C-alpha atoms as a PDB file:
ATOM      1  CA  UNK A   1      -8.888 -32.866  -4.809  1.00  0.00           C
ATOM      2  CA  UNK A   2     -12.713 -33.523  -5.453  1.00  0.00           C
ATOM      3  CA  UNK A   3     -14.290 -30.211  -7.307  1.00  0.00           C
ATOM      4  CA  UNK A   4     -16.791 -29.771  -4.095  1.00  0.00           C
ATOM      5  CA  UNK A   5     -14.178 -29.450  -1.923  1.00  0.00           C
ATOM      6  CA  UNK A   6     -15.029 -26.719   0.432  1.00  0.00           C
ATOM      7  CA  UNK A   7     -12.544 -24.762   2.510  1.00  0.00           C
ATOM      8  CA  UNK A   8     -13.168 -22.450   5.179  1.00  0.00           C
ATOM      9  CA  UNK A   9     -10.899 -19.536   5.090  1.00  0.00           C
ATOM     10  CA  UNK A  10     -10.119 -17.200   7.844  1.00  0.00           C
ATOM     11  CA  UNK A  11      -7.823 -13.764   8.044  1.00  0.00           C
ATOM     12  CA  UNK A  12      -7.067 -12.317  11.181  1.00  0.00           C
ATOM     13  CA  UNK A  13      -6.544  -8.999  11.623  1.00  0.00           C
ATOM     14  CA  UNK A  14      -5.294  -6.694  14.756  1.00  0.00           C
ATOM     15  CA  UNK A  15      -8.885  -4.823  14.075  1.00  0.00           C
ATOM     16  CA  UNK A  16     -10.770  -6.505  12.122  1.00  0.00           C
ATOM     17  CA  UNK A  17     -11.198 -11.012  11.324  1.00  0.00           C
ATOM     18  CA  UNK A  18     -12.790 -11.536   8.300  1.00  0.00           C
ATOM     19  CA  UNK A  19     -13.998 -15.265   6.303  1.00  0.00           C
ATOM     20  CA  UNK A  20     -15.230 -17.012   3.646  1.00  0.00           C
ATOM     21  CA  UNK A  21     -15.754 -20.180   2.018  1.00  0.00           C
ATOM     22  CA  UNK A  22     -13.823 -21.161  -1.240  1.00  0.00           C
ATOM     23  CA  UNK A  23     -15.407 -23.835  -3.159  1.00  0.00           C
ATOM     24  CA  UNK A  24     -14.373 -24.433  -6.928  1.00  0.00           C
ATOM     25  CA  UNK A  25     -11.818 -21.645  -5.800  1.00  0.00           C
ATOM     26  CA  UNK A  26     -14.050 -19.077  -5.634  1.00  0.00           C
ATOM     27  CA  UNK A  27     -14.822 -16.827  -2.278  1.00  0.00           C
ATOM     28  CA  UNK A  28     -18.469 -16.660  -1.260  1.00  0.00           C
ATOM     29  CA  UNK A  29     -20.389 -16.860   2.576  1.00  0.00           C
ATOM     30  CA  UNK A  30     -17.989 -13.264   2.942  1.00  0.00           C
ATOM     31  CA  UNK A  31     -18.340 -12.932   7.094  1.00  0.00           C
ATOM     32  CA  UNK A  32     -16.491 -10.071   9.058  1.00  0.00           C
ATOM     33  CA  UNK A  33     -16.645  -8.677  12.998  1.00  0.00           C
ATOM     34  CA  UNK A  34     -14.331  -6.731  14.852  1.00  0.00           C
ATOM     35  CA  UNK A  35     -11.133  -8.804  16.814  1.00  0.00           C
ATOM     36  CA  UNK A  36     -11.679  -6.978  19.653  1.00  0.00           C
ATOM     37  CA  UNK A  37      -8.468  -8.230  20.448  1.00  0.00           C
ATOM     38  CA  UNK A  38      -7.999  -6.297  24.397  1.00  0.00           C
ATOM     39  CA  UNK A  39     -10.659  -9.485  25.224  1.00  0.00           C
ATOM     40  CA  UNK A  40      -7.435 -11.688  25.361  1.00  0.00           C
ATOM     41  CA  UNK A  41      -6.387 -14.297  22.593  1.00  0.00           C
ATOM     42  CA  UNK A  42      -7.753 -16.771  23.409  1.00  0.00           C
ATOM     43  CA  UNK A  43     -11.409 -14.952  22.929  1.00  0.00           C
ATOM     44  CA  UNK A  44     -10.200 -13.478  19.640  1.00  0.00           C
ATOM     45  CA  UNK A  45      -9.243 -17.778  18.354  1.00  0.00           C
ATOM     46  CA  UNK A  46     -13.423 -18.478  19.753  1.00  0.00           C
ATOM     47  CA  UNK A  47     -14.993 -15.415  17.632  1.00  0.00           C
ATOM     48  CA  UNK A  48     -12.828 -16.832  14.683  1.00  0.00           C
ATOM     49  CA  UNK A  49     -14.295 -20.526  14.907  1.00  0.00           C
ATOM     50  CA  UNK A  50     -18.094 -18.527  15.672  1.00  0.00           C
ATOM     51  CA  UNK A  51     -17.712 -16.730  12.328  1.00  0.00           C
ATOM     52  CA  UNK A  52     -16.436 -20.116  10.519  1.00  0.00           C
ATOM     53  CA  UNK A  53     -19.166 -22.230  11.927  1.00  0.00           C
ATOM     54  CA  UNK A  54     -21.664 -20.322  10.565  1.00  0.00           C
ATOM     55  CA  UNK A  55     -20.881 -21.704   6.778  1.00  0.00           C
ATOM     56  CA  UNK A  56     -21.835 -25.240   7.752  1.00  0.00           C
ATOM     57  CA  UNK A  57     -19.410 -28.617   6.808  1.00  0.00           C
ATOM     58  CA  UNK A  58     -16.084 -27.004   5.430  1.00  0.00           C
ATOM     59  CA  UNK A  59     -13.374 -29.766   4.824  1.00  0.00           C
ATOM     60  CA  UNK A  60     -10.296 -27.954   5.553  1.00  0.00           C
ATOM     61  CA  UNK A  61      -8.945 -24.619   7.348  1.00  0.00           C
ATOM     62  CA  UNK A  62      -7.510 -22.306   6.011  1.00  0.00           C
ATOM     63  CA  UNK A  63      -5.957 -19.261   8.568  1.00  0.00           C
ATOM     64  CA  UNK A  64      -3.975 -15.906   7.723  1.00  0.00           C
ATOM     65  CA  UNK A  65      -3.132 -14.044  10.856  1.00  0.00           C
ATOM     66  CA  UNK A  66      -1.269 -11.185  12.288  1.00  0.00           C
ATOM     67  CA  UNK A  67       2.192 -12.474  13.699  1.00  0.00           C
ATOM     68  CA  UNK A  68       5.141 -13.944  13.277  1.00  0.00           C
ATOM     69  CA  UNK A  69       3.636 -17.914  12.998  1.00  0.00           C
ATOM     70  CA  UNK A  70       5.834 -20.870  12.406  1.00  0.00           C
ATOM     71  CA  UNK A  71       5.059 -22.432   9.471  1.00  0.00           C
ATOM     72  CA  UNK A  72       6.039 -26.051  10.892  1.00  0.00           C
ATOM     73  CA  UNK A  73       3.595 -26.408  12.948  1.00  0.00           C
ATOM     74  CA  UNK A  74       0.854 -22.833  13.643  1.00  0.00           C
ATOM     75  CA  UNK A  75       2.162 -21.442  16.562  1.00  0.00           C
ATOM     76  CA  UNK A  76       2.726 -17.893  16.663  1.00  0.00           C
ATOM     77  CA  UNK A  77       6.065 -17.053  17.687  1.00  0.00           C
ATOM     78  CA  UNK A  78       5.521 -13.330  18.611  1.00  0.00           C
ATOM     79  CA  UNK A  79       2.797 -10.851  18.576  1.00  0.00           C
ATOM     80  CA  UNK A  80       2.505  -8.026  19.845  1.00  0.00           C
ATOM     81  CA  UNK A  81       0.624  -5.359  22.064  1.00  0.00           C
ATOM     82  CA  UNK A  82      -2.016  -4.887  19.496  1.00  0.00           C
ATOM     83  CA  UNK A  83      -2.892  -8.877  19.970  1.00  0.00           C
ATOM     84  CA  UNK A  84      -2.270  -8.926  24.164  1.00  0.00           C
ATOM     85  CA  UNK A  85      -1.157 -12.946  24.645  1.00  0.00           C
ATOM     86  CA  UNK A  86      -1.254 -14.320  20.861  1.00  0.00           C
ATOM     87  CA  UNK A  87       2.389 -15.245  21.114  1.00  0.00           C
ATOM     88  CA  UNK A  88       2.944 -18.385  22.046  1.00  0.00           C
ATOM     89  CA  UNK A  89      -1.075 -19.607  21.213  1.00  0.00           C
ATOM     90  CA  UNK A  90      -1.290 -23.310  18.837  1.00  0.00           C
ATOM     91  CA  UNK A  91      -3.010 -21.900  15.867  1.00  0.00           C
ATOM     92  CA  UNK A  92      -3.570 -24.617  13.964  1.00  0.00           C
ATOM     93  CA  UNK A  93      -4.089 -27.027  16.967  1.00  0.00           C
ATOM     94  CA  UNK A  94      -6.896 -25.394  18.323  1.00  0.00           C
ATOM     95  CA  UNK A  95      -8.857 -24.714  14.904  1.00  0.00           C
ATOM     96  CA  UNK A  96      -8.443 -29.051  14.529  1.00  0.00           C
ATOM     97  CA  UNK A  97      -9.629 -29.509  17.832  1.00  0.00           C
ATOM     98  CA  UNK A  98     -12.487 -27.320  17.434  1.00  0.00           C
ATOM     99  CA  UNK A  99     -14.248 -28.449  13.166  1.00  0.00           C
ATOM    100  CA  UNK A 100     -11.978 -31.997  13.109  1.00  0.00           C
ATOM    101  CA  UNK A 101     -10.349 -30.691   9.948  1.00  0.00           C
ATOM    102  CA  UNK A 102      -6.654 -30.068   8.936  1.00  0.00           C
ATOM    103  CA  UNK A 103      -5.476 -26.361   9.676  1.00  0.00           C
ATOM    104  CA  UNK A 104      -2.579 -24.063   7.584  1.00  0.00           C
ATOM    105  CA  UNK A 105      -1.311 -21.386   9.511  1.00  0.00           C
ATOM    106  CA  UNK A 106       0.942 -18.523   8.007  1.00  0.00           C
ATOM    107  CA  UNK A 107       1.206 -14.857   8.612  1.00  0.00           C
ATOM    108  CA  UNK A 108      -0.436 -12.241   7.082  1.00  0.00           C
ATOM    109  CA  UNK A 109       2.229 -11.068   4.713  1.00  0.00           C
ATOM    110  CA  UNK A 110       3.102 -14.134   3.639  1.00  0.00           C
ATOM    111  CA  UNK A 111      -0.694 -14.966   2.536  1.00  0.00           C
ATOM    112  CA  UNK A 112      -0.666 -11.649   0.766  1.00  0.00           C
ATOM    113  CA  UNK A 113       1.810 -12.964  -1.117  1.00  0.00           C
ATOM    114  CA  UNK A 114       0.819 -16.891  -2.041  1.00  0.00           C
ATOM    115  CA  UNK A 115      -2.785 -14.815  -2.451  1.00  0.00           C
ATOM    116  CA  UNK A 116      -1.532 -12.447  -5.148  1.00  0.00           C
ATOM    117  CA  UNK A 117       0.451 -16.054  -7.330  1.00  0.00           C
ATOM    118  CA  UNK A 118      -2.987 -17.725  -6.625  1.00  0.00           C
ATOM    119  CA  UNK A 119      -5.346 -15.467  -8.264  1.00  0.00           C
ATOM    120  CA  UNK A 120      -3.383 -12.151  -7.959  1.00  0.00           C
ATOM    121  CA  UNK A 121      -1.066  -9.359  -9.916  1.00  0.00           C
ATOM    122  CA  UNK A 122       1.559 -12.374  -9.714  1.00  0.00           C
ATOM    123  CA  UNK A 123      -1.427 -15.441 -10.746  1.00  0.00           C
ATOM    124  CA  UNK A 124       1.196 -17.891 -12.938  1.00  0.00           C
ATOM    125  CA  UNK A 125       4.116 -16.668 -12.549  1.00  0.00           C
ATOM    126  CA  UNK A 126       6.827 -18.992 -10.498  1.00  0.00           C
ATOM    127  CA  UNK A 127       9.039 -16.290  -8.400  1.00  0.00           C
ATOM    128  CA  UNK A 128       8.510 -13.265  -6.904  1.00  0.00           C
ATOM    129  CA  UNK A 129       8.256 -10.686  -4.632  1.00  0.00           C
ATOM    130  CA  UNK A 130       5.299  -9.299  -2.796  1.00  0.00           C
ATOM    131  CA  UNK A 131       5.635  -5.793  -1.078  1.00  0.00           C
ATOM    132  CA  UNK A 132       2.979  -3.970   1.079  1.00  0.00           C
ATOM    133  CA  UNK A 133       2.951  -0.715   2.483  1.00  0.00           C
ATOM    134  CA  UNK A 134       1.475   0.864   5.353  1.00  0.00           C
ATOM    135  CA  UNK A 135       2.175   0.814   8.783  1.00  0.00           C
ATOM    136  CA  UNK A 136       5.627  -0.725   8.482  1.00  0.00           C
ATOM    137  CA  UNK A 137       6.798  -2.172   5.564  1.00  0.00           C
ATOM    138  CA  UNK A 138       5.827  -6.261   4.545  1.00  0.00           C
ATOM    139  CA  UNK A 139       7.194  -8.877   2.905  1.00  0.00           C
ATOM    140  CA  UNK A 140       6.854 -12.393   1.215  1.00  0.00           C
ATOM    141  CA  UNK A 141       8.819 -13.903  -1.178  1.00  0.00           C
ATOM    142  CA  UNK A 142       7.577 -16.593  -3.229  1.00  0.00           C
ATOM    143  CA  UNK A 143       9.970 -18.640  -4.673  1.00  0.00           C
ATOM    144  CA  UNK A 144       9.669 -22.026  -7.124  1.00  0.00           C
ATOM    145  CA  UNK A 145       5.437 -21.137  -6.589  1.00  0.00           C
ATOM    146  CA  UNK A 146       6.065 -21.992  -2.754  1.00  0.00           C
ATOM    147  CA  UNK A 147       6.370 -19.231   0.272  1.00  0.00           C
ATOM    148  CA  UNK A 148      10.275 -19.091   1.378  1.00  0.00           C
ATOM    149  CA  UNK A 149      10.464 -19.080   4.840  1.00  0.00           C
ATOM    150  CA  UNK A 150      14.567 -19.257   5.028  1.00  0.00           C
ATOM    151  CA  UNK A 151      16.245 -21.339   7.846  1.00  0.00           C
ATOM    152  CA  UNK A 152      16.823 -19.399  11.224  1.00  0.00           C
ATOM    153  CA  UNK A 153      14.710 -18.546  14.253  1.00  0.00           C
ATOM    154  CA  UNK A 154      12.062 -15.636  12.975  1.00  0.00           C
ATOM    155  CA  UNK A 155       9.133 -16.969  11.326  1.00  0.00           C
ATOM    156  CA  UNK A 156      10.204 -15.772   7.010  1.00  0.00           C
ATOM    157  CA  UNK A 157      11.998 -12.986   6.072  1.00  0.00           C
ATOM    158  CA  UNK A 158      11.707  -9.282   7.325  1.00  0.00           C
ATOM    159  CA  UNK A 159      11.748  -7.237   4.092  1.00  0.00           C
ATOM    160  CA  UNK A 160      10.917  -4.272   5.759  1.00  0.00           C
ATOM    161  CA  UNK A 161      14.192  -4.420   8.111  1.00  0.00           C
ATOM    162  CA  UNK A 162      16.664  -4.260   5.329  1.00  0.00           C
ATOM    163  CA  UNK A 163      19.353  -1.415   5.718  1.00  0.00           C
ATOM    164  CA  UNK A 164      18.867   1.479   3.077  1.00  0.00           C
ATOM    165  CA  UNK A 165      20.328   4.247   5.472  1.00  0.00           C
ATOM    166  CA  UNK A 166      23.263   2.817   6.740  1.00  0.00           C
ATOM    167  CA  UNK A 167      24.039   6.841   8.342  1.00  0.00           C
ATOM    168  CA  UNK A 168      21.511   6.807  10.522  1.00  0.00           C
ATOM    169  CA  UNK A 169      22.251   3.305  12.540  1.00  0.00           C
ATOM    170  CA  UNK A 170      21.663   3.240  16.289  1.00  0.00           C
ATOM    171  CA  UNK A 171      22.334   1.053  18.219  1.00  0.00           C
ATOM    172  CA  UNK A 172      19.251   1.727  20.747  1.00  0.00           C
ATOM    173  CA  UNK A 173      16.959   2.039  17.649  1.00  0.00           C
ATOM    174  CA  UNK A 174      16.717  -1.802  15.469  1.00  0.00           C
ATOM    175  CA  UNK A 175      14.681  -0.079  12.857  1.00  0.00           C
ATOM    176  CA  UNK A 176      17.177   3.151  12.240  1.00  0.00           C
ATOM    177  CA  UNK A 177      17.632   3.302   9.191  1.00  0.00           C
ATOM    178  CA  UNK A 178      15.391   0.603   7.422  1.00  0.00           C
ATOM    179  CA  UNK A 179      13.736   0.366   4.473  1.00  0.00           C
ATOM    180  CA  UNK A 180      10.118   0.484   6.342  1.00  0.00           C
ATOM    181  CA  UNK A 181      11.319   3.641   8.479  1.00  0.00           C
ATOM    182  CA  UNK A 182      11.747   5.612   5.249  1.00  0.00           C
ATOM    183  CA  UNK A 183       9.523   4.057   2.612  1.00  0.00           C
ATOM    184  CA  UNK A 184       6.918   2.567   4.162  1.00  0.00           C
ATOM    185  CA  UNK A 185       3.146   4.185   4.665  1.00  0.00           C
ATOM    186  CA  UNK A 186       3.870   5.808   7.972  1.00  0.00           C
ATOM    187  CA  UNK A 187       7.135   7.274   6.989  1.00  0.00           C
ATOM    188  CA  UNK A 188       5.030   9.705   3.956  1.00  0.00           C
ATOM    189  CA  UNK A 189       2.344  10.519   6.558  1.00  0.00           C
ATOM    190  CA  UNK A 190       5.011  11.516   8.749  1.00  0.00           C
ATOM    191  CA  UNK A 191       6.744  13.508   6.271  1.00  0.00           C
ATOM    192  CA  UNK A 192       3.638  15.121   4.653  1.00  0.00           C
ATOM    193  CA  UNK A 193       2.477  15.985   8.737  1.00  0.00           C
ATOM    194  CA  UNK A 194       5.509  18.522   8.849  1.00  0.00           C
ATOM    195  CA  UNK A 195       3.701  20.406   6.294  1.00  0.00           C
ATOM    196  CA  UNK A 196       0.595  20.683   7.909  1.00  0.00           C
ATOM    197  CA  UNK A 197      -1.106  18.635  10.630  1.00  0.00           C
ATOM    198  CA  UNK A 198      -4.301  17.926   8.269  1.00  0.00           C
ATOM    199  CA  UNK A 199      -2.735  15.593   6.009  1.00  0.00           C
ATOM    200  CA  UNK A 200      -2.372  12.550   7.964  1.00  0.00           C
ATOM    201  CA  UNK A 201      -4.032   9.474   5.731  1.00  0.00           C
ATOM    202  CA  UNK A 202      -2.868   8.935   2.014  1.00  0.00           C
ATOM    203  CA  UNK A 203      -5.998  10.051   0.736  1.00  0.00           C
ATOM    204  CA  UNK A 204      -5.381  13.571   1.757  1.00  0.00           C
ATOM    205  CA  UNK A 205      -2.183  13.357   0.876  1.00  0.00           C
ATOM    206  CA  UNK A 206      -2.884  12.560  -3.182  1.00  0.00           C
ATOM    207  CA  UNK A 207      -5.177  14.299  -3.213  1.00  0.00           C
ATOM    208  CA  UNK A 208      -2.580  17.598  -2.606  1.00  0.00           C
ATOM    209  CA  UNK A 209      -0.275  16.950  -5.194  1.00  0.00           C
ATOM    210  CA  UNK A 210      -1.059  19.953  -7.379  1.00  0.00           C
ATOM    211  CA  UNK A 211       0.593  21.607  -4.443  1.00  0.00           C
ATOM    212  CA  UNK A 212       4.531  21.753  -4.844  1.00  0.00           C
ATOM    213  CA  UNK A 213       5.574  21.258  -0.822  1.00  0.00           C
ATOM    214  CA  UNK A 214       3.611  17.803  -0.963  1.00  0.00           C
ATOM    215  CA  UNK A 215       4.100  16.422  -4.683  1.00  0.00           C
ATOM    216  CA  UNK A 216       7.731  16.751  -3.149  1.00  0.00           C
ATOM    217  CA  UNK A 217       7.576  14.826  -0.476  1.00  0.00           C
ATOM    218  CA  UNK A 218       5.419  12.383  -1.870  1.00  0.00           C
ATOM    219  CA  UNK A 219       8.487  12.163  -5.117  1.00  0.00           C
ATOM    220  CA  UNK A 220      10.979  12.214  -1.786  1.00  0.00           C
ATOM    221  CA  UNK A 221       9.074   8.708  -0.459  1.00  0.00           C
ATOM    222  CA  UNK A 222       9.042   7.186  -4.312  1.00  0.00           C
ATOM    223  CA  UNK A 223      12.795   7.117  -4.184  1.00  0.00           C
ATOM    224  CA  UNK A 224      12.673   5.582  -0.596  1.00  0.00           C
ATOM    225  CA  UNK A 225       9.910   2.910  -2.417  1.00  0.00           C
ATOM    226  CA  UNK A 226      12.207   2.154  -5.436  1.00  0.00           C
ATOM    227  CA  UNK A 227      15.253   2.535  -3.987  1.00  0.00           C
ATOM    228  CA  UNK A 228      14.877  -0.498  -1.462  1.00  0.00           C
ATOM    229  CA  UNK A 229      12.466  -2.840  -4.010  1.00  0.00           C
ATOM    230  CA  UNK A 230      15.264  -2.346  -6.649  1.00  0.00           C
ATOM    231  CA  UNK A 231      17.816  -3.640  -3.905  1.00  0.00           C
ATOM    232  CA  UNK A 232      15.325  -6.661  -3.194  1.00  0.00           C
ATOM    233  CA  UNK A 233      14.983  -7.626  -6.969  1.00  0.00           C
ATOM    234  CA  UNK A 234      18.746  -7.341  -7.312  1.00  0.00           C
ATOM    235  CA  UNK A 235      19.588 -10.468  -4.513  1.00  0.00           C
ATOM    236  CA  UNK A 236      16.422 -11.822  -5.711  1.00  0.00           C
ATOM    237  CA  UNK A 237      15.885 -11.773  -9.393  1.00  0.00           C
ATOM    238  CA  UNK A 238      13.036 -12.073  -9.757  1.00  0.00           C
ATOM    239  CA  UNK A 239      10.889 -11.557 -12.532  1.00  0.00           C
ATOM    240  CA  UNK A 240       7.551  -9.376 -10.958  1.00  0.00           C
ATOM    241  CA  UNK A 241       7.147  -7.703  -7.920  1.00  0.00           C
ATOM    242  CA  UNK A 242       3.700  -6.681  -6.380  1.00  0.00           C
ATOM    243  CA  UNK A 243       3.192  -3.505  -4.534  1.00  0.00           C
ATOM    244  CA  UNK A 244       0.503  -3.360  -2.274  1.00  0.00           C
ATOM    245  CA  UNK A 245      -0.568  -1.595   0.441  1.00  0.00           C
ATOM    246  CA  UNK A 246      -4.026   1.063   0.503  1.00  0.00           C
ATOM    247  CA  UNK A 247      -1.091   4.168  -0.348  1.00  0.00           C
ATOM    248  CA  UNK A 248      -0.813   2.155  -3.871  1.00  0.00           C
ATOM    249  CA  UNK A 249      -4.318   2.107  -4.823  1.00  0.00           C
ATOM    250  CA  UNK A 250      -2.881   5.567  -6.046  1.00  0.00           C
ATOM    251  CA  UNK A 251      -2.476   5.471  -9.634  1.00  0.00           C
ATOM    252  CA  UNK A 252       0.504   8.836  -8.857  1.00  0.00           C
ATOM    253  CA  UNK A 253       2.234   6.667  -6.029  1.00  0.00           C
ATOM    254  CA  UNK A 254       2.285   3.257  -8.367  1.00  0.00           C
ATOM    255  CA  UNK A 255       3.071   4.040 -11.995  1.00  0.00           C
ATOM    256  CA  UNK A 256       5.735   6.444  -9.677  1.00  0.00           C
ATOM    257  CA  UNK A 257       7.809   4.187  -8.068  1.00  0.00           C
ATOM    258  CA  UNK A 258       6.664   1.245 -11.530  1.00  0.00           C
ATOM    259  CA  UNK A 259       8.889   3.856 -13.645  1.00  0.00           C
ATOM    260  CA  UNK A 260      11.882   5.286 -11.221  1.00  0.00           C
ATOM    261  CA  UNK A 261      12.479   1.123 -10.648  1.00  0.00           C
ATOM    262  CA  UNK A 262      13.016   0.500 -13.783  1.00  0.00           C
ATOM    263  CA  UNK A 263      15.273   3.747 -14.420  1.00  0.00           C
ATOM    264  CA  UNK A 264      17.460   2.367 -10.752  1.00  0.00           C
ATOM    265  CA  UNK A 265      18.338  -1.087 -11.818  1.00  0.00           C
ATOM    266  CA  UNK A 266      21.213  -2.260 -13.130  1.00  0.00           C
ATOM    267  CA  UNK A 267      20.423  -2.854 -17.061  1.00  0.00           C
ATOM    268  CA  UNK A 268      20.668  -6.755 -16.888  1.00  0.00           C
ATOM    269  CA  UNK A 269      17.585  -6.579 -14.856  1.00  0.00           C
ATOM    270  CA  UNK A 270      15.349  -4.563 -16.741  1.00  0.00           C
ATOM    271  CA  UNK A 271      12.450  -5.666 -18.071  1.00  0.00           C
ATOM    272  CA  UNK A 272      11.117  -7.079 -14.641  1.00  0.00           C
ATOM    273  CA  UNK A 273       7.732  -6.464 -14.221  1.00  0.00           C
ATOM    274  CA  UNK A 274       6.133  -4.269 -11.357  1.00  0.00           C
ATOM    275  CA  UNK A 275       2.475  -4.724 -10.929  1.00  0.00           C
ATOM    276  CA  UNK A 276      -0.004  -3.532  -8.004  1.00  0.00           C
ATOM    277  CA  UNK A 277      -1.785  -5.812  -5.435  1.00  0.00           C
ATOM    278  CA  UNK A 278      -4.848  -6.836  -7.544  1.00  0.00           C
ATOM    279  CA  UNK A 279      -6.911  -9.507  -4.524  1.00  0.00           C
ATOM    280  CA  UNK A 280      -7.175  -5.893  -2.468  1.00  0.00           C
ATOM    281  CA  UNK A 281      -8.198  -7.284   1.473  1.00  0.00           C
ATOM    282  CA  UNK A 282      -8.989 -10.641   0.078  1.00  0.00           C
ATOM    283  CA  UNK A 283      -5.042 -11.662  -1.078  1.00  0.00           C
ATOM    284  CA  UNK A 284      -4.512 -13.297   2.189  1.00  0.00           C
ATOM    285  CA  UNK A 285      -8.175 -15.499   2.404  1.00  0.00           C
ATOM    286  CA  UNK A 286      -6.721 -16.326  -0.815  1.00  0.00           C
ATOM    287  CA  UNK A 287      -4.034 -17.200   0.412  1.00  0.00           C
ATOM    288  CA  UNK A 288      -4.945 -18.872   3.389  1.00  0.00           C
ATOM    289  CA  UNK A 289      -7.000 -21.413   1.006  1.00  0.00           C
ATOM    290  CA  UNK A 290      -3.379 -22.241  -1.735  1.00  0.00           C
ATOM    291  CA  UNK A 291      -1.706 -22.797   1.855  1.00  0.00           C
ATOM    292  CA  UNK A 292      -4.111 -25.551   3.283  1.00  0.00           C
ATOM    293  CA  UNK A 293      -4.771 -26.878  -0.048  1.00  0.00           C
ATOM    294  CA  UNK A 294      -0.968 -27.850  -0.902  1.00  0.00           C
ATOM    295  CA  UNK A 295      -0.244 -28.813   2.583  1.00  0.00           C
ATOM    296  CA  UNK A 296      -2.867 -30.567   3.229  1.00  0.00           C
ATOM    297  CA  UNK A 297      -4.334 -32.332  -0.980  1.00  0.00           C
ATOM    298  CA  UNK A 298      -1.098 -31.431  -2.917  1.00  0.00           C
ATOM    299  CA  UNK A 299      -3.177 -29.645  -4.978  1.00  0.00           C
ATOM    300  CA  UNK A 300      -3.443 -25.984  -5.680  1.00  0.00           C
ATOM    301  CA  UNK A 301      -6.749 -23.501  -4.667  1.00  0.00           C
ATOM    302  CA  UNK A 302      -9.448 -25.140  -7.512  1.00  0.00           C
END
């Protein structure tokens, strides 16, 4: 791939669509717009296409998107009600038809994981896990520099579905007892708002850590974060774990998670590097660009 090749990258989320161009591995011409998902999936894709059309000519398109993505053909296997009509959309085919350029499409959590290994907190590491704590818990597994999807019917693993509390399993609730039920940012907000209804976001919660009751809630949540992360480290035996999501930008959160994970690890696993995500909301764009560079040109994002 010649050094001057241009890669258009998109990150399609439930509320915003972000875009940029990578040239020589450096992002430029950053742009974004509202997703306006209520207008339907076709309108969302048209809006995304309009964003990158303003960038001028490019050689390939990398797309990070919400929803479960079939990594083989870029079709959305499943998307929830936040993106109505998105299930079944051929996102790869759409962008290739629009621009007559090759495209690669991957789930946003997988894209963020790949991005962190491309230019972020896991740069230079071949085997790692990236966990994102938000409404739920998303995660991507990278082994030997490649995203690991598994071979089942779902598009990638569901790390937030790890069973953390089997005593709470409920056949009527598929998320009962799971990691994300106890360790997501939603779980923290729910617990904190039980103390004070004003504690509805991470910033407000961490601003009041000097209050013993609030600190107790945060510490209990960090115990859950660490328990799930340690289980995944023991299973995959990887040298690095990246913890992301807005809540992990709080020093007390990332430092507390790091200390707890190290303490809980079986001695033979200690020394695993636990780091906070470094790319913020650019991670998915980096990952999407990296994916299309690898699949279409056989090289890393330069």
